[in-house]
Amino acid sequence: MYFYHDPETSARGLGTYAALYEIEEARGAGIPYYYMGFWIDRCPTMHYKASFRPSEVLHPDGIWRPGPE
């Protein structure tokens, strides 16, 4: 599921709200993991994803490592 918003309303935290909603849906369905989707470190609009812990990032070598701090 992807959500889009007007950048001028970014203070509303719709990405965080969407993630919390999806996590709750996954729990209700018995899904043990939640995938936050594509993440680009240099993209400020994706930085909210780093606040969810624990997390892992798939590196180009195909190995999952601990996510951003």
Protein backbone atom coordinates (compact mmCIF):
# COMPACT_ATOMS: atom_id res chain seq x y z
CA MET A 1 0.00 0.00 0.00
CA TYR A 2 1.37 3.42 -0.86
CA PHE A 3 0.17 6.80 0.29
CA TYR A 4 0.82 10.18 -1.25
CA HIS A 5 0.51 13.58 0.36
CA ASP A 6 1.02 17.24 -0.36
CA PRO A 7 4.54 18.09 0.90
CA GLU A 8 3.12 21.23 2.49
CA THR A 9 1.17 18.99 4.89
CA SER A 10 4.14 16.80 5.89
CA ALA A 11 3.88 17.92 9.53
CA ARG A 12 0.75 15.77 9.79
CA GLY A 13 2.94 12.64 9.78
CA LEU A 14 0.81 10.66 7.35
CA GLY A 15 3.66 8.23 6.62
CA THR A 16 3.88 7.36 10.31
CA TYR A 17 0.11 7.04 10.55
CA ALA A 18 0.04 4.75 7.50
CA ALA A 19 2.82 2.56 8.92
CA LEU A 20 1.06 2.21 12.29
CA TYR A 21 -2.19 1.35 10.54
CA GLU A 22 -0.49 -1.29 8.37
CA ILE A 23 1.36 -2.78 11.36
CA GLU A 24 -1.93 -3.17 13.20
CA GLU A 25 -3.51 -4.80 10.14
CA ALA A 26 -0.55 -7.20 9.87
CA ARG A 27 -0.85 -8.12 13.57
CA GLY A 28 -4.54 -8.80 13.15
CA ALA A 29 -3.78 -11.10 10.21
CA GLY A 30 -1.08 -12.96 12.16
CA ILE A 31 1.74 -11.64 9.94
CA PRO A 32 4.94 -11.59 12.04
CA TYR A 33 6.92 -9.03 10.00
CA TYR A 34 6.19 -5.67 8.42
CA TYR A 35 7.98 -4.44 5.31
CA MET A 36 8.13 -0.64 5.15
CA GLY A 37 8.95 -0.61 1.47
CA PHE A 38 11.58 1.21 -0.49
CA TRP A 39 13.92 3.45 1.50
CA ILE A 40 16.46 6.02 0.27
CA ASP A 41 18.78 7.45 2.94
CA ARG A 42 19.21 10.77 1.10
CA CYS A 43 15.46 11.30 0.73
CA PRO A 44 14.19 13.41 3.67
CA THR A 45 10.57 12.36 3.16
CA MET A 46 11.57 8.77 3.97
CA HIS A 47 13.42 9.55 7.21
CA TYR A 48 10.35 8.74 9.32
CA LYS A 49 10.94 5.07 8.50
CA ALA A 50 14.17 5.08 10.52
CA SER A 51 12.19 5.66 13.73
CA PHE A 52 10.62 2.19 13.57
CA ARG A 53 12.68 -0.40 15.46
CA PRO A 54 13.96 -2.98 15.15
CA SER A 55 14.64 -2.73 11.43
CA GLU A 56 16.86 -4.23 8.78
CA VAL A 57 18.02 -3.04 5.37
CA LEU A 58 18.81 -5.33 2.43
CA HIS A 59 22.23 -4.31 1.12
CA PRO A 60 23.40 -4.63 -2.50
CA ASP A 61 25.33 -7.79 -1.59
CA GLY A 62 22.03 -9.47 -0.69
CA ILE A 63 22.63 -9.47 3.08
CA TRP A 64 20.13 -8.01 5.56
CA ARG A 65 21.80 -5.79 8.14
CA PRO A 66 20.52 -3.66 11.02
CA GLY A 67 18.66 -0.59 9.81
CA PRO A 68 19.50 3.06 10.27
CA GLU A 69 19.89 4.59 13.69
